[in-house]
PDB file of N, CA and C in Angstrom:
ATOM      1  N   ASP A   1       4.521 -10.723   1.087  1.00  0.00           N
ATOM      2  CA  ASP A   1       4.575 -11.276  -0.190  1.00  0.00           C
ATOM      3  C   ASP A   1       3.848 -12.311  -0.627  1.00  0.00           C
ATOM      4  N   SER A   2       3.408 -12.703  -1.887  1.00  0.00           N
ATOM      5  CA  SER A   2       2.975 -13.747  -2.313  1.00  0.00           C
ATOM      6  C   SER A   2       3.004 -13.937  -4.046  1.00  0.00           C
ATOM      7  N   THR A   3       3.522 -15.020  -4.316  1.00  0.00           N
ATOM      8  CA  THR A   3       3.327 -15.300  -5.599  1.00  0.00           C
ATOM      9  C   THR A   3       2.415 -15.926  -5.970  1.00  0.00           C
ATOM     10  N   ARG A   4       2.310 -16.514  -7.561  1.00  0.00           N
ATOM     11  CA  ARG A   4       0.960 -17.144  -8.077  1.00  0.00           C
ATOM     12  C   ARG A   4       1.841 -18.414  -8.603  1.00  0.00           C
ATOM     13  N   ILE A   5       1.345 -19.568  -7.814  1.00  0.00           N
ATOM     14  CA  ILE A   5       1.222 -20.848  -8.422  1.00  0.00           C
ATOM     15  C   ILE A   5       0.614 -21.885  -9.216  1.00  0.00           C
ATOM     16  N   GLY A   6       1.187 -21.687 -10.515  1.00  0.00           N
ATOM     17  CA  GLY A   6      -0.293 -22.807 -11.330  1.00  0.00           C
ATOM     18  C   GLY A   6       0.327 -23.849 -11.830  1.00  0.00           C
ATOM     19  N   ARG A   7      -0.917 -24.867 -11.832  1.00  0.00           N
ATOM     20  CA  ARG A   7      -0.649 -25.799 -12.499  1.00  0.00           C
ATOM     21  C   ARG A   7      -1.907 -26.660 -12.893  1.00  0.00           C
ATOM     22  N   ALA A   8      -2.008 -26.901 -14.536  1.00  0.00           N
ATOM     23  CA  ALA A   8      -3.240 -27.648 -15.006  1.00  0.00           C
ATOM     24  C   ALA A   8      -4.556 -26.706 -14.813  1.00  0.00           C
ATOM     25  N   GLY A   9      -4.152 -25.456 -15.242  1.00  0.00           N
ATOM     26  CA  GLY A   9      -5.576 -24.399 -15.112  1.00  0.00           C
ATOM     27  C   GLY A   9      -5.851 -24.016 -13.681  1.00  0.00           C
ATOM     28  N   THR A  10      -5.250 -24.740 -12.474  1.00  0.00           N
ATOM     29  CA  THR A  10      -5.357 -24.176 -10.910  1.00  0.00           C
ATOM     30  C   THR A  10      -4.487 -23.178 -10.809  1.00  0.00           C
ATOM     31  N   VAL A  11      -4.733 -22.390 -10.013  1.00  0.00           N
ATOM     32  CA  VAL A  11      -3.989 -20.962  -9.545  1.00  0.00           C
ATOM     33  C   VAL A  11      -3.865 -21.175  -7.914  1.00  0.00           C
ATOM     34  N   ARG A  12      -3.030 -21.223  -7.540  1.00  0.00           N
ATOM     35  CA  ARG A  12      -2.912 -20.801  -5.905  1.00  0.00           C
ATOM     36  C   ARG A  12      -1.955 -19.775  -5.346  1.00  0.00           C
ATOM     37  N   ARG A  13      -2.156 -18.901  -4.694  1.00  0.00           N
ATOM     38  CA  ARG A  13      -0.916 -18.140  -3.689  1.00  0.00           C
ATOM     39  C   ARG A  13      -0.449 -18.666  -3.105  1.00  0.00           C
ATOM     40  N   GLN A  14       1.210 -18.610  -2.997  1.00  0.00           N
ATOM     41  CA  GLN A  14       2.071 -18.808  -1.986  1.00  0.00           C
ATOM     42  C   GLN A  14       2.341 -18.001  -1.594  1.00  0.00           C
ATOM     43  N   ALA A  15       2.816 -17.735  -0.055  1.00  0.00           N
ATOM     44  CA  ALA A  15       3.856 -16.830   0.508  1.00  0.00           C
ATOM     45  C   ALA A  15       5.042 -17.205   0.078  1.00  0.00           C
ATOM     46  N   VAL A  16       5.975 -16.072   0.515  1.00  0.00           N
ATOM     47  CA  VAL A  16       7.327 -16.062  -0.024  1.00  0.00           C
ATOM     48  C   VAL A  16       8.295 -14.859   1.090  1.00  0.00           C
ATOM     49  N   ASP A  17       9.191 -15.217   1.100  1.00  0.00           N
ATOM     50  CA  ASP A  17       9.516 -13.826   1.988  1.00  0.00           C
ATOM     51  C   ASP A  17      10.314 -12.771   1.259  1.00  0.00           C
ATOM     52  N   VAL A  18      10.291 -11.880   1.727  1.00  0.00           N
ATOM     53  CA  VAL A  18      10.525 -10.534   0.946  1.00  0.00           C
ATOM     54  C   VAL A  18      11.888  -9.851   1.178  1.00  0.00           C
ATOM     55  N   SER A  19      12.621  -8.997   0.766  1.00  0.00           N
ATOM     56  CA  SER A  19      13.726  -8.101   1.289  1.00  0.00           C
ATOM     57  C   SER A  19      13.308  -7.286   2.103  1.00  0.00           C
ATOM     58  N   PRO A  20      13.962  -6.558   3.098  1.00  0.00           N
ATOM     59  CA  PRO A  20      13.819  -5.593   3.956  1.00  0.00           C
ATOM     60  C   PRO A  20      13.859  -4.341   3.254  1.00  0.00           C
ATOM     61  N   LEU A  21      14.307  -4.289   1.786  1.00  0.00           N
ATOM     62  CA  LEU A  21      14.317  -2.791   1.039  1.00  0.00           C
ATOM     63  C   LEU A  21      13.532  -2.984   0.238  1.00  0.00           C
ATOM     64  N   ARG A  22      12.706  -4.124  -0.079  1.00  0.00           N
ATOM     65  CA  ARG A  22      11.560  -4.572  -0.992  1.00  0.00           C
ATOM     66  C   ARG A  22      10.451  -3.857  -0.081  1.00  0.00           C
ATOM     67  N   ARG A  23      10.216  -4.306   1.071  1.00  0.00           N
ATOM     68  CA  ARG A  23       9.404  -3.733   1.861  1.00  0.00           C
ATOM     69  C   ARG A  23       9.251  -2.129   2.232  1.00  0.00           C
ATOM     70  N   VAL A  24      10.555  -1.850   2.437  1.00  0.00           N
ATOM     71  CA  VAL A  24      10.799  -0.330   2.775  1.00  0.00           C
ATOM     72  C   VAL A  24       9.755   0.307   0.950  1.00  0.00           C
ATOM     73  N   ASN A  25      10.788   0.048   0.466  1.00  0.00           N
ATOM     74  CA  ASN A  25      10.027   0.774  -1.237  1.00  0.00           C
ATOM     75  C   ASN A  25       8.854   0.562  -1.228  1.00  0.00           C
ATOM     76  N   GLN A  26       8.110  -0.852  -1.090  1.00  0.00           N
ATOM     77  CA  GLN A  26       6.628  -0.994  -1.129  1.00  0.00           C
ATOM     78  C   GLN A  26       5.914   0.183  -0.404  1.00  0.00           C
ATOM     79  N   ALA A  27       6.446   0.391   1.208  1.00  0.00           N
ATOM     80  CA  ALA A  27       5.762   1.365   1.990  1.00  0.00           C
ATOM     81  C   ALA A  27       5.815   2.547   1.481  1.00  0.00           C
ATOM     82  N   ILE A  28       6.945   2.955   0.637  1.00  0.00           N
ATOM     83  CA  ILE A  28       6.981   4.441   0.423  1.00  0.00           C
ATOM     84  C   ILE A  28       6.157   4.845  -0.593  1.00  0.00           C
ATOM     85  N   TRP A  29       6.219   3.901  -1.826  1.00  0.00           N
ATOM     86  CA  TRP A  29       5.345   3.715  -2.933  1.00  0.00           C
ATOM     87  C   TRP A  29       3.798   3.984  -2.617  1.00  0.00           C
ATOM     88  N   LEU A  30       3.448   3.088  -1.322  1.00  0.00           N
ATOM     89  CA  LEU A  30       2.199   2.999  -1.424  1.00  0.00           C
ATOM     90  C   LEU A  30       1.417   4.839  -0.525  1.00  0.00           C
ATOM     91  N   LEU A  31       2.606   4.919   0.543  1.00  0.00           N
ATOM     92  CA  LEU A  31       2.113   6.330   0.886  1.00  0.00           C
ATOM     93  C   LEU A  31       2.138   7.374  -0.061  1.00  0.00           C
ATOM     94  N   CYS A  32       3.058   7.590  -0.849  1.00  0.00           N
ATOM     95  CA  CYS A  32       3.269   8.571  -2.136  1.00  0.00           C
ATOM     96  C   CYS A  32       1.950   8.653  -3.094  1.00  0.00           C
ATOM     97  N   THR A  33       1.834   7.170  -3.219  1.00  0.00           N
ATOM     98  CA  THR A  33       0.521   6.839  -4.151  1.00  0.00           C
ATOM     99  C   THR A  33      -0.654   7.437  -3.497  1.00  0.00           C
ATOM    100  N   GLY A  34      -0.761   7.086  -2.378  1.00  0.00           N
ATOM    101  CA  GLY A  34      -2.281   7.512  -1.453  1.00  0.00           C
ATOM    102  C   GLY A  34      -2.125   9.092  -1.426  1.00  0.00           C
ATOM    103  N   ALA A  35      -1.265   9.603  -0.810  1.00  0.00           N
ATOM    104  CA  ALA A  35      -0.943  11.468  -0.967  1.00  0.00           C
ATOM    105  C   ALA A  35      -1.504  12.011  -2.205  1.00  0.00           C
ATOM    106  N   ARG A  36      -0.796  11.231  -3.760  1.00  0.00           N
ATOM    107  CA  ARG A  36      -1.253  12.088  -4.817  1.00  0.00           C
ATOM    108  C   ARG A  36      -2.487  11.510  -5.133  1.00  0.00           C
ATOM    109  N   GLU A  37      -2.968  10.730  -4.901  1.00  0.00           N
ATOM    110  CA  GLU A  37      -4.377  10.557  -5.335  1.00  0.00           C
ATOM    111  C   GLU A  37      -5.523  11.321  -4.240  1.00  0.00           C
ATOM    112  N   ALA A  38      -4.916  11.775  -3.104  1.00  0.00           N
ATOM    113  CA  ALA A  38      -5.927  12.314  -2.084  1.00  0.00           C
ATOM    114  C   ALA A  38      -5.740  13.740  -2.777  1.00  0.00           C
ATOM    115  N   ALA A  39      -4.699  14.346  -3.090  1.00  0.00           N
ATOM    116  CA  ALA A  39      -4.557  15.649  -4.044  1.00  0.00           C
ATOM    117  C   ALA A  39      -4.555  15.822  -4.887  1.00  0.00           C
ATOM    118  N   PHE A  40      -5.501  15.023  -6.086  1.00  0.00           N
ATOM    119  CA  PHE A  40      -5.773  15.063  -7.034  1.00  0.00           C
ATOM    120  C   PHE A  40      -7.205  15.787  -6.998  1.00  0.00           C
ATOM    121  N   ARG A  41      -7.113  16.869  -7.840  1.00  0.00           N
ATOM    122  CA  ARG A  41      -8.733  17.611  -7.732  1.00  0.00           C
ATOM    123  C   ARG A  41      -8.954  17.852  -6.327  1.00  0.00           C
ATOM    124  N   ASN A  42      -8.450  18.346  -5.687  1.00  0.00           N
ATOM    125  CA  ASN A  42      -8.414  18.380  -4.645  1.00  0.00           C
ATOM    126  C   ASN A  42      -8.202  20.011  -3.868  1.00  0.00           C
ATOM    127  N   ILE A  43      -8.598  20.778  -2.815  1.00  0.00           N
ATOM    128  CA  ILE A  43      -8.301  21.872  -2.352  1.00  0.00           C
ATOM    129  C   ILE A  43      -7.182  22.058  -1.397  1.00  0.00           C
ATOM    130  N   LYS A  44      -6.754  20.801  -1.206  1.00  0.00           N
ATOM    131  CA  LYS A  44      -5.666  20.412   0.190  1.00  0.00           C
ATOM    132  C   LYS A  44      -4.545  20.377  -0.767  1.00  0.00           C
ATOM    133  N   THR A  45      -3.431  21.147  -0.160  1.00  0.00           N
ATOM    134  CA  THR A  45      -2.276  20.908  -0.691  1.00  0.00           C
ATOM    135  C   THR A  45      -1.523  19.838  -0.763  1.00  0.00           C
ATOM    136  N   ILE A  46      -0.763  19.148  -1.409  1.00  0.00           N
ATOM    137  CA  ILE A  46      -0.166  18.067  -1.542  1.00  0.00           C
ATOM    138  C   ILE A  46       0.575  17.936   0.103  1.00  0.00           C
ATOM    139  N   ALA A  47       1.116  18.718   0.326  1.00  0.00           N
ATOM    140  CA  ALA A  47       1.826  18.728   1.740  1.00  0.00           C
ATOM    141  C   ALA A  47       0.875  18.000   2.720  1.00  0.00           C
ATOM    142  N   GLU A  48      -0.347  19.029   2.708  1.00  0.00           N
ATOM    143  CA  GLU A  48      -1.594  18.532   3.477  1.00  0.00           C
ATOM    144  C   GLU A  48      -1.815  17.032   3.287  1.00  0.00           C
ATOM    145  N   CYS A  49      -2.109  16.862   2.397  1.00  0.00           N
ATOM    146  CA  CYS A  49      -2.216  15.453   2.264  1.00  0.00           C
ATOM    147  C   CYS A  49      -1.097  14.325   2.331  1.00  0.00           C
ATOM    148  N   VAL A  50      -0.178  14.900   2.355  1.00  0.00           N
ATOM    149  CA  VAL A  50       0.900  13.564   2.709  1.00  0.00           C
ATOM    150  C   VAL A  50       1.349  14.043   4.344  1.00  0.00           C
ATOM    151  N   ALA A  51       0.992  14.667   4.892  1.00  0.00           N
ATOM    152  CA  ALA A  51       0.243  14.696   6.308  1.00  0.00           C
ATOM    153  C   ALA A  51      -0.484  13.885   6.599  1.00  0.00           C
ATOM    154  N   ASP A  52      -1.730  14.006   5.889  1.00  0.00           N
ATOM    155  CA  ASP A  52      -2.809  13.114   6.374  1.00  0.00           C
ATOM    156  C   ASP A  52      -2.657  11.682   6.347  1.00  0.00           C
ATOM    157  N   GLU A  53      -1.905  11.553   5.075  1.00  0.00           N
ATOM    158  CA  GLU A  53      -1.387  10.152   4.883  1.00  0.00           C
ATOM    159  C   GLU A  53      -0.410   9.173   5.864  1.00  0.00           C
ATOM    160  N   LEU A  54       0.466  10.173   6.433  1.00  0.00           N
ATOM    161  CA  LEU A  54       1.209   9.480   7.218  1.00  0.00           C
ATOM    162  C   LEU A  54       0.643   9.561   8.617  1.00  0.00           C
ATOM    163  N   ILE A  55      -0.279  10.482   8.406  1.00  0.00           N
ATOM    164  CA  ILE A  55      -0.756  10.033  10.399  1.00  0.00           C
ATOM    165  C   ILE A  55      -1.826   9.020  10.284  1.00  0.00           C
ATOM    166  N   ASN A  56      -2.693   8.891   9.451  1.00  0.00           N
ATOM    167  CA  ASN A  56      -3.366   7.409   9.280  1.00  0.00           C
ATOM    168  C   ASN A  56      -2.901   6.414   9.549  1.00  0.00           C
ATOM    169  N   ALA A  57      -1.900   6.552   8.299  1.00  0.00           N
ATOM    170  CA  ALA A  57      -0.790   5.169   8.634  1.00  0.00           C
ATOM    171  C   ALA A  57      -0.237   4.905   9.761  1.00  0.00           C
ATOM    172  N   ALA A  58       0.262   5.840  10.558  1.00  0.00           N
ATOM    173  CA  ALA A  58       1.045   5.116  11.688  1.00  0.00           C
ATOM    174  C   ALA A  58      -0.277   5.177  12.702  1.00  0.00           C
ATOM    175  N   LYS A  59      -1.383   5.650  12.479  1.00  0.00           N
ATOM    176  CA  LYS A  59      -2.377   5.087  13.247  1.00  0.00           C
ATOM    177  C   LYS A  59      -3.041   3.961  13.284  1.00  0.00           C
ATOM    178  N   GLY A  60      -2.742   3.145  11.859  1.00  0.00           N
ATOM    179  CA  GLY A  60      -3.472   2.097  11.482  1.00  0.00           C
ATOM    180  C   GLY A  60      -4.517   2.347  10.767  1.00  0.00           C
ATOM    181  N   SER A  61      -4.933   3.527  10.305  1.00  0.00           N
ATOM    182  CA  SER A  61      -6.564   3.420  10.149  1.00  0.00           C
ATOM    183  C   SER A  61      -6.692   3.155   8.554  1.00  0.00           C
ATOM    184  N   SER A  62      -7.968   2.765   8.665  1.00  0.00           N
ATOM    185  CA  SER A  62      -8.298   2.452   7.276  1.00  0.00           C
ATOM    186  C   SER A  62      -8.906   3.283   6.253  1.00  0.00           C
ATOM    187  N   ASN A  63      -8.352   4.468   6.974  1.00  0.00           N
ATOM    188  CA  ASN A  63      -8.508   5.835   5.910  1.00  0.00           C
ATOM    189  C   ASN A  63      -7.021   6.169   5.360  1.00  0.00           C
ATOM    190  N   SER A  64      -6.399   5.299   5.872  1.00  0.00           N
ATOM    191  CA  SER A  64      -5.012   5.600   4.798  1.00  0.00           C
ATOM    192  C   SER A  64      -5.279   4.618   3.394  1.00  0.00           C
ATOM    193  N   TYR A  65      -4.435   5.327   2.335  1.00  0.00           N
ATOM    194  CA  TYR A  65      -4.390   4.545   1.380  1.00  0.00           C
ATOM    195  C   TYR A  65      -3.298   3.199   1.260  1.00  0.00           C
ATOM    196  N   ALA A  66      -2.532   3.872   2.290  1.00  0.00           N
ATOM    197  CA  ALA A  66      -1.469   2.451   2.387  1.00  0.00           C
ATOM    198  C   ALA A  66      -2.130   1.253   2.906  1.00  0.00           C
ATOM    199  N   ILE A  67      -2.576   1.722   4.277  1.00  0.00           N
ATOM    200  CA  ILE A  67      -3.378   0.622   4.909  1.00  0.00           C
ATOM    201  C   ILE A  67      -3.932  -0.048   4.257  1.00  0.00           C
ATOM    202  N   LYS A  68      -5.218   0.339   3.251  1.00  0.00           N
ATOM    203  CA  LYS A  68      -5.847  -0.503   2.783  1.00  0.00           C
ATOM    204  C   LYS A  68      -5.119  -1.583   1.639  1.00  0.00           C
ATOM    205  N   LYS A  69      -4.381  -0.456   0.959  1.00  0.00           N
ATOM    206  CA  LYS A  69      -3.481  -1.429   0.154  1.00  0.00           C
ATOM    207  C   LYS A  69      -2.881  -2.765   0.485  1.00  0.00           C
ATOM    208  N   LYS A  70      -2.211  -2.471   1.661  1.00  0.00           N
ATOM    209  CA  LYS A  70      -1.427  -3.480   2.197  1.00  0.00           C
ATOM    210  C   LYS A  70      -2.403  -4.471   2.879  1.00  0.00           C
ATOM    211  N   ASP A  71      -3.468  -4.537   3.439  1.00  0.00           N
ATOM    212  CA  ASP A  71      -4.308  -5.413   3.780  1.00  0.00           C
ATOM    213  C   ASP A  71      -4.661  -5.924   2.690  1.00  0.00           C
ATOM    214  N   GLU A  72      -5.254  -5.162   1.519  1.00  0.00           N
ATOM    215  CA  GLU A  72      -5.321  -6.225   0.015  1.00  0.00           C
ATOM    216  C   GLU A  72      -4.627  -6.934  -0.432  1.00  0.00           C
ATOM    217  N   LEU A  73      -3.309  -6.889  -0.402  1.00  0.00           N
ATOM    218  CA  LEU A  73      -2.253  -7.323  -0.610  1.00  0.00           C
ATOM    219  C   LEU A  73      -2.158  -8.665   0.100  1.00  0.00           C
ATOM    220  N   GLU A  74      -2.146  -8.497   1.302  1.00  0.00           N
ATOM    221  CA  GLU A  74      -1.776  -9.697   2.442  1.00  0.00           C
ATOM    222  C   GLU A  74      -3.434 -10.438   2.329  1.00  0.00           C
ATOM    223  N   ARG A  75      -3.978 -10.496   1.697  1.00  0.00           N
ATOM    224  CA  ARG A  75      -5.651 -11.204   2.181  1.00  0.00           C
ATOM    225  C   ARG A  75      -5.346 -11.744   1.096  1.00  0.00           C
TER     226      ARG A  75
END
């Protein structure tokens, strides 16, 4: 994770250590959000969307919402 450090109008991101529980919570939250967004206004059931999200995340595929957001946060 990172935090914003700013002084006199300049802002930079500083890497910080995160607790293991926060990493687990964030991973579960990203998986659930991705499955929920995939199921919204879609013919697929939520169970199918959860399965697809888990499979794509396990493969490290960029089709996974969780992987895309994790990469975006780490950038």
